[in-house]
Amino acid sequence: TLLASLHKFKALNCPILVGISRKSMIYKLLDTTPEEA
């Protein structure tokens, strides 16, 4: 939900950092592991 709404964070007038690298939102959804993400 946050990723789909990421554009809304521009209203804060700050650079936006995204840290999703190999996280569980990927490997749990795909039923894999961090190594496979």
PDB file of all heavy atoms in Angstrom:
ATOM      1  N   THR A   1       0.831  -1.200   0.000  1.00  0.00           N
ATOM      2  CA  THR A   1       0.000   0.000   0.000  1.00  0.00           C
ATOM      3  C   THR A   1       0.869   1.253   0.000  1.00  0.00           C
ATOM      4  O   THR A   1       0.616   2.214  -0.745  1.00  0.00           O
ATOM      5  CB  THR A   1      -0.934   0.009   1.230  1.00  0.00           C
ATOM      6  OG1 THR A   1      -1.758  -1.149   1.206  1.00  0.00           O
ATOM      7  CG2 THR A   1      -1.800   1.258   1.245  1.00  0.00           C
ATOM      8  N   LEU A   2       1.912   1.244   0.823  1.00  0.00           N
ATOM      9  CA  LEU A   2       2.837   2.381   0.869  1.00  0.00           C
ATOM     10  C   LEU A   2       3.555   2.571  -0.464  1.00  0.00           C
ATOM     11  O   LEU A   2       3.714   3.704  -0.943  1.00  0.00           O
ATOM     12  CB  LEU A   2       3.866   2.180   1.982  1.00  0.00           C
ATOM     13  CG  LEU A   2       3.381   2.398   3.415  1.00  0.00           C
ATOM     14  CD1 LEU A   2       4.454   1.956   4.405  1.00  0.00           C
ATOM     15  CD2 LEU A   2       3.025   3.863   3.654  1.00  0.00           C
ATOM     16  N   LEU A   3       3.991   1.468  -1.059  1.00  0.00           N
ATOM     17  CA  LEU A   3       4.694   1.577  -2.335  1.00  0.00           C
ATOM     18  C   LEU A   3       3.773   2.127  -3.418  1.00  0.00           C
ATOM     19  O   LEU A   3       4.180   2.966  -4.232  1.00  0.00           O
ATOM     20  CB  LEU A   3       5.246   0.208  -2.747  1.00  0.00           C
ATOM     21  CG  LEU A   3       6.103   0.188  -4.012  1.00  0.00           C
ATOM     22  CD1 LEU A   3       7.306   1.115  -3.881  1.00  0.00           C
ATOM     23  CD2 LEU A   3       6.568  -1.241  -4.308  1.00  0.00           C
ATOM     24  N   ALA A   4       2.523   1.672  -3.420  1.00  0.00           N
ATOM     25  CA  ALA A   4       1.556   2.162  -4.407  1.00  0.00           C
ATOM     26  C   ALA A   4       1.236   3.645  -4.201  1.00  0.00           C
ATOM     27  O   ALA A   4       0.809   4.320  -5.142  1.00  0.00           O
ATOM     28  CB  ALA A   4       0.271   1.336  -4.325  1.00  0.00           C
ATOM     29  N   SER A   5       1.473   4.144  -2.987  1.00  0.00           N
ATOM     30  CA  SER A   5       1.161   5.545  -2.658  1.00  0.00           C
ATOM     31  C   SER A   5       2.427   6.389  -2.494  1.00  0.00           C
ATOM     32  O   SER A   5       2.357   7.496  -1.940  1.00  0.00           O
ATOM     33  CB  SER A   5       0.356   5.597  -1.350  1.00  0.00           C
ATOM     34  OG  SER A   5      -0.784   4.773  -1.403  1.00  0.00           O
ATOM     35  N   LEU A   6       3.548   5.877  -2.968  1.00  0.00           N
ATOM     36  CA  LEU A   6       4.826   6.552  -2.707  1.00  0.00           C
ATOM     37  C   LEU A   6       4.836   7.995  -3.212  1.00  0.00           C
ATOM     38  O   LEU A   6       5.451   8.874  -2.604  1.00  0.00           O
ATOM     39  CB  LEU A   6       5.972   5.764  -3.352  1.00  0.00           C
ATOM     40  CG  LEU A   6       7.392   6.202  -2.955  1.00  0.00           C
ATOM     41  CD1 LEU A   6       7.645   5.928  -1.477  1.00  0.00           C
ATOM     42  CD2 LEU A   6       8.437   5.467  -3.799  1.00  0.00           C
ATOM     43  N   HIS A   7       4.151   8.255  -4.302  1.00  0.00           N
ATOM     44  CA  HIS A   7       4.120   9.610  -4.863  1.00  0.00           C
ATOM     45  C   HIS A   7       3.564  10.629  -3.871  1.00  0.00           C
ATOM     46  O   HIS A   7       3.903  11.813  -3.931  1.00  0.00           O
ATOM     47  CB  HIS A   7       3.277   9.627  -6.148  1.00  0.00           C
ATOM     48  CG  HIS A   7       1.852   9.227  -5.944  1.00  0.00           C
ATOM     49  ND1 HIS A   7       1.454   7.904  -5.797  1.00  0.00           N
ATOM     50  CD2 HIS A   7       0.726   9.971  -5.834  1.00  0.00           C
ATOM     51  CE1 HIS A   7       0.148   7.863  -5.623  1.00  0.00           C
ATOM     52  NE2 HIS A   7      -0.311   9.086  -5.641  1.00  0.00           N
ATOM     53  N   LYS A   8       2.738  10.172  -2.933  1.00  0.00           N
ATOM     54  CA  LYS A   8       2.140  11.086  -1.955  1.00  0.00           C
ATOM     55  C   LYS A   8       3.185  11.662  -0.995  1.00  0.00           C
ATOM     56  O   LYS A   8       2.975  12.725  -0.406  1.00  0.00           O
ATOM     57  CB  LYS A   8       1.043  10.379  -1.164  1.00  0.00           C
ATOM     58  CG  LYS A   8      -0.174   9.995  -2.001  1.00  0.00           C
ATOM     59  CD  LYS A   8      -1.268   9.386  -1.141  1.00  0.00           C
ATOM     60  CE  LYS A   8      -2.504   9.037  -1.965  1.00  0.00           C
ATOM     61  NZ  LYS A   8      -3.591   8.455  -1.141  1.00  0.00           N
ATOM     62  N   PHE A   9       4.306  10.946  -0.843  1.00  0.00           N
ATOM     63  CA  PHE A   9       5.336  11.416   0.081  1.00  0.00           C
ATOM     64  C   PHE A   9       6.079  12.638  -0.448  1.00  0.00           C
ATOM     65  O   PHE A   9       6.810  13.291   0.298  1.00  0.00           O
ATOM     66  CB  PHE A   9       6.303  10.270   0.406  1.00  0.00           C
ATOM     67  CG  PHE A   9       5.689   9.245   1.316  1.00  0.00           C
ATOM     68  CD1 PHE A   9       4.866   8.248   0.815  1.00  0.00           C
ATOM     69  CD2 PHE A   9       5.904   9.287   2.678  1.00  0.00           C
ATOM     70  CE1 PHE A   9       4.267   7.318   1.649  1.00  0.00           C
ATOM     71  CE2 PHE A   9       5.322   8.355   3.532  1.00  0.00           C
ATOM     72  CZ  PHE A   9       4.500   7.377   3.004  1.00  0.00           C
ATOM     73  N   LYS A  10       5.885  12.973  -1.707  1.00  0.00           N
ATOM     74  CA  LYS A  10       6.477  14.186  -2.259  1.00  0.00           C
ATOM     75  C   LYS A  10       5.942  15.429  -1.541  1.00  0.00           C
ATOM     76  O   LYS A  10       6.597  16.469  -1.507  1.00  0.00           O
ATOM     77  CB  LYS A  10       6.199  14.282  -3.759  1.00  0.00           C
ATOM     78  CG  LYS A  10       6.945  13.259  -4.595  1.00  0.00           C
ATOM     79  CD  LYS A  10       6.607  13.418  -6.067  1.00  0.00           C
ATOM     80  CE  LYS A  10       7.432  12.474  -6.928  1.00  0.00           C
ATOM     81  NZ  LYS A  10       8.866  12.801  -6.918  1.00  0.00           N
ATOM     82  N   ALA A  11       4.743  15.310  -0.959  1.00  0.00           N
ATOM     83  CA  ALA A  11       4.144  16.436  -0.244  1.00  0.00           C
ATOM     84  C   ALA A  11       4.983  16.863   0.959  1.00  0.00           C
ATOM     85  O   ALA A  11       4.858  17.995   1.447  1.00  0.00           O
ATOM     86  CB  ALA A  11       2.731  16.084   0.205  1.00  0.00           C
ATOM     87  N   LEU A  12       5.840  15.986   1.450  1.00  0.00           N
ATOM     88  CA  LEU A  12       6.705  16.309   2.589  1.00  0.00           C
ATOM     89  C   LEU A  12       7.873  17.204   2.187  1.00  0.00           C
ATOM     90  O   LEU A  12       8.587  17.722   3.049  1.00  0.00           O
ATOM     91  CB  LEU A  12       7.235  15.023   3.233  1.00  0.00           C
ATOM     92  CG  LEU A  12       6.173  14.092   3.831  1.00  0.00           C
ATOM     93  CD1 LEU A  12       6.808  12.787   4.304  1.00  0.00           C
ATOM     94  CD2 LEU A  12       5.426  14.766   4.962  1.00  0.00           C
ATOM     95  N   ASN A  13       8.091  17.351   0.882  1.00  0.00           N
ATOM     96  CA  ASN A  13       9.129  18.243   0.355  1.00  0.00           C
ATOM     97  C   ASN A  13      10.535  17.870   0.836  1.00  0.00           C
ATOM     98  O   ASN A  13      11.344  18.737   1.171  1.00  0.00           O
ATOM     99  CB  ASN A  13       8.826  19.699   0.710  1.00  0.00           C
ATOM    100  CG  ASN A  13       9.600  20.683  -0.163  1.00  0.00           C
ATOM    101  OD1 ASN A  13       9.936  20.390  -1.313  1.00  0.00           O
ATOM    102  ND2 ASN A  13       9.912  21.847   0.379  1.00  0.00           N
ATOM    103  N   CYS A  14      10.788  16.576   0.895  1.00  0.00           N
ATOM    104  CA  CYS A  14      12.106  16.052   1.253  1.00  0.00           C
ATOM    105  C   CYS A  14      12.462  14.952   0.254  1.00  0.00           C
ATOM    106  O   CYS A  14      11.572  14.313  -0.315  1.00  0.00           O
ATOM    107  CB  CYS A  14      12.103  15.429   2.647  1.00  0.00           C
ATOM    108  SG  CYS A  14      11.723  16.549   4.002  1.00  0.00           S
ATOM    109  N   PRO A  15      13.749  14.696   0.031  1.00  0.00           N
ATOM    110  CA  PRO A  15      14.117  13.521  -0.768  1.00  0.00           C
ATOM    111  C   PRO A  15      13.541  12.256  -0.139  1.00  0.00           C
ATOM    112  O   PRO A  15      13.480  12.136   1.085  1.00  0.00           O
ATOM    113  CB  PRO A  15      15.648  13.514  -0.710  1.00  0.00           C
ATOM    114  CG  PRO A  15      16.033  14.907  -0.362  1.00  0.00           C
ATOM    115  CD  PRO A  15      14.934  15.440   0.500  1.00  0.00           C
ATOM    116  N   ILE A  16      13.119  11.319  -0.984  1.00  0.00           N
ATOM    117  CA  ILE A  16      12.498  10.079  -0.518  1.00  0.00           C
ATOM    118  C   ILE A  16      13.482   8.922  -0.667  1.00  0.00           C
ATOM    119  O   ILE A  16      13.989   8.676  -1.771  1.00  0.00           O
ATOM    120  CB  ILE A  16      11.224   9.762  -1.320  1.00  0.00           C
ATOM    121  CG1 ILE A  16      10.211  10.902  -1.192  1.00  0.00           C
ATOM    122  CG2 ILE A  16      10.603   8.443  -0.853  1.00  0.00           C
ATOM    123  CD1 ILE A  16       9.060  10.796  -2.168  1.00  0.00           C
ATOM    124  N   LEU A  17      13.759   8.241   0.429  1.00  0.00           N
ATOM    125  CA  LEU A  17      14.609   7.050   0.404  1.00  0.00           C
ATOM    126  C   LEU A  17      13.724   5.809   0.495  1.00  0.00           C
ATOM    127  O   LEU A  17      12.806   5.755   1.318  1.00  0.00           O
ATOM    128  CB  LEU A  17      15.600   7.076   1.561  1.00  0.00           C
ATOM    129  CG  LEU A  17      16.632   5.934   1.626  1.00  0.00           C
ATOM    130  CD1 LEU A  17      17.926   6.425   2.275  1.00  0.00           C
ATOM    131  CD2 LEU A  17      16.111   4.732   2.420  1.00  0.00           C
ATOM    132  N   VAL A  18      14.010   4.835  -0.350  1.00  0.00           N
ATOM    133  CA  VAL A  18      13.285   3.562  -0.328  1.00  0.00           C
ATOM    134  C   VAL A  18      14.278   2.434  -0.054  1.00  0.00           C
ATOM    135  O   VAL A  18      15.263   2.279  -0.783  1.00  0.00           O
ATOM    136  CB  VAL A  18      12.537   3.318  -1.652  1.00  0.00           C
ATOM    137  CG1 VAL A  18      11.978   1.898  -1.708  1.00  0.00           C
ATOM    138  CG2 VAL A  18      11.410   4.341  -1.815  1.00  0.00           C
ATOM    139  N   GLY A  19      14.004   1.663   0.987  1.00  0.00           N
ATOM    140  CA  GLY A  19      14.852   0.524   1.340  1.00  0.00           C
ATOM    141  C   GLY A  19      14.030  -0.746   1.369  1.00  0.00           C
ATOM    142  O   GLY A  19      13.394  -1.060   2.386  1.00  0.00           O
ATOM    143  N   ILE A  20      14.014  -1.467   0.249  1.00  0.00           N
ATOM    144  CA  ILE A  20      13.219  -2.697   0.160  1.00  0.00           C
ATOM    145  C   ILE A  20      14.073  -3.890  -0.248  1.00  0.00           C
ATOM    146  O   ILE A  20      13.567  -4.978  -0.479  1.00  0.00           O
ATOM    147  CB  ILE A  20      12.052  -2.535  -0.851  1.00  0.00           C
ATOM    148  CG1 ILE A  20      12.564  -1.954  -2.162  1.00  0.00           C
ATOM    149  CG2 ILE A  20      10.962  -1.659  -0.282  1.00  0.00           C
ATOM    150  CD1 ILE A  20      11.489  -1.695  -3.192  1.00  0.00           C
ATOM    151  N   SER A  21      15.370  -3.680  -0.301  1.00  0.00           N
ATOM    152  CA  SER A  21      16.280  -4.682  -0.843  1.00  0.00           C
ATOM    153  C   SER A  21      16.175  -6.029  -0.116  1.00  0.00           C
ATOM    154  O   SER A  21      16.440  -6.119   1.083  1.00  0.00           O
ATOM    155  CB  SER A  21      17.718  -4.163  -0.757  1.00  0.00           C
ATOM    156  OG  SER A  21      18.624  -5.085  -1.307  1.00  0.00           O
ATOM    157  N   ARG A  22      15.738  -7.049  -0.847  1.00  0.00           N
ATOM    158  CA  ARG A  22      15.697  -8.440  -0.388  1.00  0.00           C
ATOM    159  C   ARG A  22      14.837  -8.637   0.872  1.00  0.00           C
ATOM    160  O   ARG A  22      15.019  -9.618   1.600  1.00  0.00           O
ATOM    161  CB  ARG A  22      17.114  -8.983  -0.175  1.00  0.00           C
ATOM    162  CG  ARG A  22      17.951  -9.026  -1.456  1.00  0.00           C
ATOM    163  CD  ARG A  22      19.325  -9.621  -1.205  1.00  0.00           C
ATOM    164  NE  ARG A  22      20.132  -9.679  -2.415  1.00  0.00           N
ATOM    165  CZ  ARG A  22      20.180 -10.728  -3.250  1.00  0.00           C
ATOM    166  NH1 ARG A  22      19.453 -11.803  -2.991  1.00  0.00           N
ATOM    167  NH2 ARG A  22      20.953 -10.698  -4.314  1.00  0.00           N
ATOM    168  N   LYS A  23      13.909  -7.730   1.132  1.00  0.00           N
ATOM    169  CA  LYS A  23      13.104  -7.816   2.354  1.00  0.00           C
ATOM    170  C   LYS A  23      11.977  -8.829   2.222  1.00  0.00           C
ATOM    171  O   LYS A  23      11.652  -9.317   1.141  1.00  0.00           O
ATOM    172  CB  LYS A  23      12.558  -6.433   2.714  1.00  0.00           C
ATOM    173  CG  LYS A  23      13.619  -5.509   3.293  1.00  0.00           C
ATOM    174  CD  LYS A  23      13.033  -4.214   3.824  1.00  0.00           C
ATOM    175  CE  LYS A  23      14.105  -3.376   4.526  1.00  0.00           C
ATOM    176  NZ  LYS A  23      13.557  -2.102   5.047  1.00  0.00           N
ATOM    177  N   SER A  24      11.339  -9.089   3.368  1.00  0.00           N
ATOM    178  CA  SER A  24      10.313 -10.135   3.418  1.00  0.00           C
ATOM    179  C   SER A  24       9.092  -9.803   2.575  1.00  0.00           C
ATOM    180  O   SER A  24       8.353 -10.705   2.184  1.00  0.00           O
ATOM    181  CB  SER A  24       9.889 -10.394   4.864  1.00  0.00           C
ATOM    182  OG  SER A  24       9.283  -9.253   5.429  1.00  0.00           O
ATOM    183  N   MET A  25       8.847  -8.523   2.283  1.00  0.00           N
ATOM    184  CA  MET A  25       7.732  -8.183   1.410  1.00  0.00           C
ATOM    185  C   MET A  25       7.918  -8.761   0.015  1.00  0.00           C
ATOM    186  O   MET A  25       6.956  -8.872  -0.743  1.00  0.00           O
ATOM    187  CB  MET A  25       7.540  -6.664   1.327  1.00  0.00           C
ATOM    188  CG  MET A  25       8.675  -5.904   0.674  1.00  0.00           C
ATOM    189  SD  MET A  25       8.423  -4.098   0.679  1.00  0.00           S
ATOM    190  CE  MET A  25       7.103  -3.888  -0.512  1.00  0.00           C
ATOM    191  N   ILE A  26       9.148  -9.152  -0.289  1.00  0.00           N
ATOM    192  CA  ILE A  26       9.440  -9.818  -1.559  1.00  0.00           C
ATOM    193  C   ILE A  26       9.432 -11.327  -1.383  1.00  0.00           C
ATOM    194  O   ILE A  26       8.646 -12.042  -1.994  1.00  0.00           O
ATOM    195  CB  ILE A  26      10.806  -9.363  -2.117  1.00  0.00           C
ATOM    196  CG1 ILE A  26      10.828  -7.848  -2.328  1.00  0.00           C
ATOM    197  CG2 ILE A  26      11.141 -10.103  -3.417  1.00  0.00           C
ATOM    198  CD1 ILE A  26      12.200  -7.281  -2.567  1.00  0.00           C
ATOM    199  N   TYR A  27      10.306 -11.821  -0.518  1.00  0.00           N
ATOM    200  CA  TYR A  27      10.499 -13.279  -0.488  1.00  0.00           C
ATOM    201  C   TYR A  27       9.350 -14.031   0.181  1.00  0.00           C
ATOM    202  O   TYR A  27       9.096 -15.186  -0.166  1.00  0.00           O
ATOM    203  CB  TYR A  27      11.855 -13.657   0.116  1.00  0.00           C
ATOM    204  CG  TYR A  27      12.083 -13.342   1.571  1.00  0.00           C
ATOM    205  CD1 TYR A  27      11.582 -14.161   2.580  1.00  0.00           C
ATOM    206  CD2 TYR A  27      12.854 -12.248   1.948  1.00  0.00           C
ATOM    207  CE1 TYR A  27      11.817 -13.892   3.909  1.00  0.00           C
ATOM    208  CE2 TYR A  27      13.095 -11.968   3.280  1.00  0.00           C
ATOM    209  CZ  TYR A  27      12.572 -12.786   4.259  1.00  0.00           C
ATOM    210  OH  TYR A  27      12.813 -12.522   5.582  1.00  0.00           O
ATOM    211  N   LYS A  28       8.620 -13.381   1.090  1.00  0.00           N
ATOM    212  CA  LYS A  28       7.451 -14.062   1.652  1.00  0.00           C
ATOM    213  C   LYS A  28       6.309 -14.116   0.642  1.00  0.00           C
ATOM    214  O   LYS A  28       5.591 -15.110   0.557  1.00  0.00           O
ATOM    215  CB  LYS A  28       7.002 -13.375   2.942  1.00  0.00           C
ATOM    216  CG  LYS A  28       7.916 -13.656   4.127  1.00  0.00           C
ATOM    217  CD  LYS A  28       7.358 -13.089   5.421  1.00  0.00           C
ATOM    218  CE  LYS A  28       8.265 -13.443   6.601  1.00  0.00           C
ATOM    219  NZ  LYS A  28       7.753 -12.880   7.873  1.00  0.00           N
ATOM    220  N   LEU A  29       6.156 -13.050  -0.120  1.00  0.00           N
ATOM    221  CA  LEU A  29       5.126 -13.036  -1.158  1.00  0.00           C
ATOM    222  C   LEU A  29       5.404 -14.108  -2.213  1.00  0.00           C
ATOM    223  O   LEU A  29       4.486 -14.791  -2.685  1.00  0.00           O
ATOM    224  CB  LEU A  29       5.068 -11.662  -1.823  1.00  0.00           C
ATOM    225  CG  LEU A  29       4.064 -11.503  -2.962  1.00  0.00           C
ATOM    226  CD1 LEU A  29       2.632 -11.589  -2.437  1.00  0.00           C
ATOM    227  CD2 LEU A  29       4.286 -10.189  -3.699  1.00  0.00           C
ATOM    228  N   LEU A  30       6.663 -14.274  -2.578  1.00  0.00           N
ATOM    229  CA  LEU A  30       7.050 -15.205  -3.633  1.00  0.00           C
ATOM    230  C   LEU A  30       7.406 -16.593  -3.108  1.00  0.00           C
ATOM    231  O   LEU A  30       7.749 -17.486  -3.892  1.00  0.00           O
ATOM    232  CB  LEU A  30       8.240 -14.631  -4.415  1.00  0.00           C
ATOM    233  CG  LEU A  30       8.001 -13.255  -5.062  1.00  0.00           C
ATOM    234  CD1 LEU A  30       9.272 -12.775  -5.760  1.00  0.00           C
ATOM    235  CD2 LEU A  30       6.839 -13.302  -6.031  1.00  0.00           C
ATOM    236  N   ASP A  31       7.348 -16.751  -1.771  1.00  0.00           N
ATOM    237  CA  ASP A  31       7.669 -18.032  -1.133  1.00  0.00           C
ATOM    238  C   ASP A  31       9.066 -18.495  -1.496  1.00  0.00           C
ATOM    239  O   ASP A  31       9.294 -19.628  -1.903  1.00  0.00           O
ATOM    240  CB  ASP A  31       6.635 -19.107  -1.518  1.00  0.00           C
ATOM    241  CG  ASP A  31       6.742 -20.341  -0.625  1.00  0.00           C
ATOM    242  OD1 ASP A  31       7.243 -20.207   0.507  1.00  0.00           O
ATOM    243  OD2 ASP A  31       6.323 -21.427  -1.071  1.00  0.00           O
ATOM    244  N   THR A  32      10.035 -17.573  -1.335  1.00  0.00           N
ATOM    245  CA  THR A  32      11.435 -17.899  -1.610  1.00  0.00           C
ATOM    246  C   THR A  32      12.276 -17.521  -0.382  1.00  0.00           C
ATOM    247  O   THR A  32      11.841 -17.703   0.747  1.00  0.00           O
ATOM    248  CB  THR A  32      11.926 -17.178  -2.872  1.00  0.00           C
ATOM    249  OG1 THR A  32      11.737 -15.757  -2.718  1.00  0.00           O
ATOM    250  CG2 THR A  32      11.180 -17.644  -4.111  1.00  0.00           C
ATOM    251  N   THR A  33      13.457 -17.008  -0.600  1.00  0.00           N
ATOM    252  CA  THR A  33      14.371 -16.633   0.476  1.00  0.00           C
ATOM    253  C   THR A  33      15.017 -15.291   0.132  1.00  0.00           C
ATOM    254  O   THR A  33      14.956 -14.848  -1.020  1.00  0.00           O
ATOM    255  CB  THR A  33      15.493 -17.677   0.628  1.00  0.00           C
ATOM    256  OG1 THR A  33      16.296 -17.665  -0.572  1.00  0.00           O
ATOM    257  CG2 THR A  33      14.932 -19.067   0.865  1.00  0.00           C
ATOM    258  N   PRO A  34      15.651 -14.637   1.121  1.00  0.00           N
ATOM    259  CA  PRO A  34      16.372 -13.399   0.809  1.00  0.00           C
ATOM    260  C   PRO A  34      17.419 -13.595  -0.287  1.00  0.00           C
ATOM    261  O   PRO A  34      17.631 -12.716  -1.122  1.00  0.00           O
ATOM    262  CB  PRO A  34      17.027 -13.025   2.139  1.00  0.00           C
ATOM    263  CG  PRO A  34      16.134 -13.610   3.178  1.00  0.00           C
ATOM    264  CD  PRO A  34      15.639 -14.907   2.581  1.00  0.00           C
ATOM    265  N   GLU A  35      18.066 -14.757  -0.284  1.00  0.00           N
ATOM    266  CA  GLU A  35      19.089 -15.028  -1.302  1.00  0.00           C
ATOM    267  C   GLU A  35      18.509 -15.085  -2.711  1.00  0.00           C
ATOM    268  O   GLU A  35      19.210 -14.817  -3.692  1.00  0.00           O
ATOM    269  CB  GLU A  35      19.796 -16.355  -0.990  1.00  0.00           C
ATOM    270  CG  GLU A  35      20.710 -16.322   0.228  1.00  0.00           C
ATOM    271  CD  GLU A  35      19.946 -16.252   1.552  1.00  0.00           C
ATOM    272  OE1 GLU A  35      18.764 -16.645   1.580  1.00  0.00           O
ATOM    273  OE2 GLU A  35      20.542 -15.801   2.552  1.00  0.00           O
ATOM    274  N   GLU A  36      17.233 -15.411  -2.826  1.00  0.00           N
ATOM    275  CA  GLU A  36      16.587 -15.530  -4.127  1.00  0.00           C
ATOM    276  C   GLU A  36      15.768 -14.294  -4.500  1.00  0.00           C
ATOM    277  O   GLU A  36      15.014 -14.333  -5.475  1.00  0.00           O
ATOM    278  CB  GLU A  36      15.666 -16.759  -4.130  1.00  0.00           C
ATOM    279  CG  GLU A  36      16.387 -18.077  -3.904  1.00  0.00           C
ATOM    280  CD  GLU A  36      15.430 -19.244  -3.699  1.00  0.00           C
ATOM    281  OE1 GLU A  36      14.739 -19.277  -2.661  1.00  0.00           O
ATOM    282  OE2 GLU A  36      15.373 -20.105  -4.594  1.00  0.00           O
ATOM    283  N   ALA A  37      15.935 -13.207  -3.755  1.00  0.00           N
ATOM    284  CA  ALA A  37      15.040 -12.054  -3.900  1.00  0.00           C
ATOM    285  C   ALA A  37      15.594 -10.929  -4.760  1.00  0.00           C
ATOM    286  O   ALA A  37      15.045  -9.823  -4.752  1.00  0.00           O
ATOM    287  CB  ALA A  37      14.673 -11.514  -2.521  1.00  0.00           C
TER     288      ALA A  37
END
